[in-house]
Protein backbone atom coordinates (compact mmCIF):
# COMPACT_ATOMS: atom_id res chain seq x y z
CA UNK A 1 -1.06 -3.37 14.33
CA UNK A 2 1.03 -4.10 11.25
CA UNK A 3 3.57 -6.46 12.81
CA UNK A 4 2.72 -10.05 12.12
CA UNK A 5 -0.32 -9.19 10.00
CA UNK A 6 -1.63 -12.22 8.11
CA UNK A 7 -2.43 -11.01 4.59
CA UNK A 8 -5.54 -12.40 2.89
CA UNK A 9 -4.92 -15.27 0.53
CA UNK A 10 -3.62 -14.05 -2.87
CA UNK A 11 -6.00 -14.21 -5.84
CA UNK A 12 -9.03 -14.22 -3.52
CA UNK A 13 -11.39 -11.22 -3.41
CA UNK A 14 -11.06 -8.94 -0.39
CA UNK A 15 -14.40 -7.46 0.64
CA UNK A 16 -16.15 -5.58 3.40
CA UNK A 17 -14.45 -5.16 6.75
CA UNK A 18 -11.41 -7.13 5.59
CA UNK A 19 -10.82 -4.54 2.83
CA UNK A 20 -10.83 -1.75 5.42
CA UNK A 21 -8.27 -3.58 7.55
CA UNK A 22 -6.03 -4.25 4.53
CA UNK A 23 -6.25 -0.56 3.54
CA UNK A 24 -5.23 0.55 7.06
CA UNK A 25 -2.28 -1.84 7.12
CA UNK A 26 -1.11 -0.79 3.64
CA UNK A 27 -1.48 2.90 4.52
CA UNK A 28 0.49 2.50 7.77
CA UNK A 29 3.32 0.66 6.02
CA UNK A 30 3.37 3.15 3.12
CA UNK A 31 3.50 6.09 5.54
CA UNK A 32 6.37 4.34 7.34
CA UNK A 33 8.36 4.40 4.07
CA UNK A 34 7.57 1.17 2.24
CA UNK A 35 7.24 1.40 -1.53
CA UNK A 36 4.16 0.36 -3.43
CA UNK A 37 6.15 -2.39 -5.15
CA UNK A 38 7.40 -3.72 -1.80
CA UNK A 39 3.86 -3.70 -0.41
CA UNK A 40 2.58 -5.52 -3.49
CA UNK A 41 5.23 -8.22 -3.12
CA UNK A 42 4.63 -8.57 0.63
CA UNK A 43 0.84 -8.76 0.36
CA UNK A 44 0.71 -10.98 -2.73
CA UNK A 45 -1.42 -8.38 -4.54
CA UNK A 46 -0.76 -6.48 -7.75
CA UNK A 47 0.86 -3.06 -7.96
CA UNK A 48 -2.44 -1.67 -9.27
CA UNK A 49 -4.43 -3.09 -6.36
CA UNK A 50 -2.06 -1.58 -3.80
CA UNK A 51 -1.96 1.78 -5.63
CA UNK A 52 -5.76 1.94 -5.89
CA UNK A 53 -6.26 0.90 -2.27
CA UNK A 54 -3.80 3.52 -1.02
CA UNK A 55 -5.45 6.22 -3.14
CA UNK A 56 -8.92 5.27 -1.89
CA UNK A 57 -7.59 5.28 1.70
CA UNK A 58 -6.47 8.90 1.25
CA UNK A 59 -2.72 8.41 1.00
CA UNK A 60 -0.63 11.23 -0.42
CA UNK A 61 1.50 9.30 -2.89
CA UNK A 62 5.19 10.09 -3.17
CA UNK A 63 6.79 10.88 -6.49
CA UNK A 64 9.14 8.31 -7.89
CA UNK A 65 12.83 9.16 -8.00
CA UNK A 66 12.92 10.99 -4.70
CA UNK A 67 13.30 14.71 -4.16
CA UNK A 68 13.81 16.78 -7.28
CA UNK A 69 16.39 19.50 -7.57
CA UNK A 70 15.24 23.04 -8.01
CA UNK A 71 15.95 25.06 -11.14
CA UNK A 72 19.36 26.66 -11.32
């Protein structure tokens, strides 16, 4: 589904069914390991748009900096 996806034109509103498709594609790529910044660059959308769309789609967002060490 995500291979060869044609992103909507940047700086144009994404509405309705198209928004649902974009959210599914972003969620699939994020779950596969892509960062929010990488998805923003690839899709031509802002970091905030991608973050909000992932959150609304139900993604469990990763912390930045990777796994934290436990207390000594």
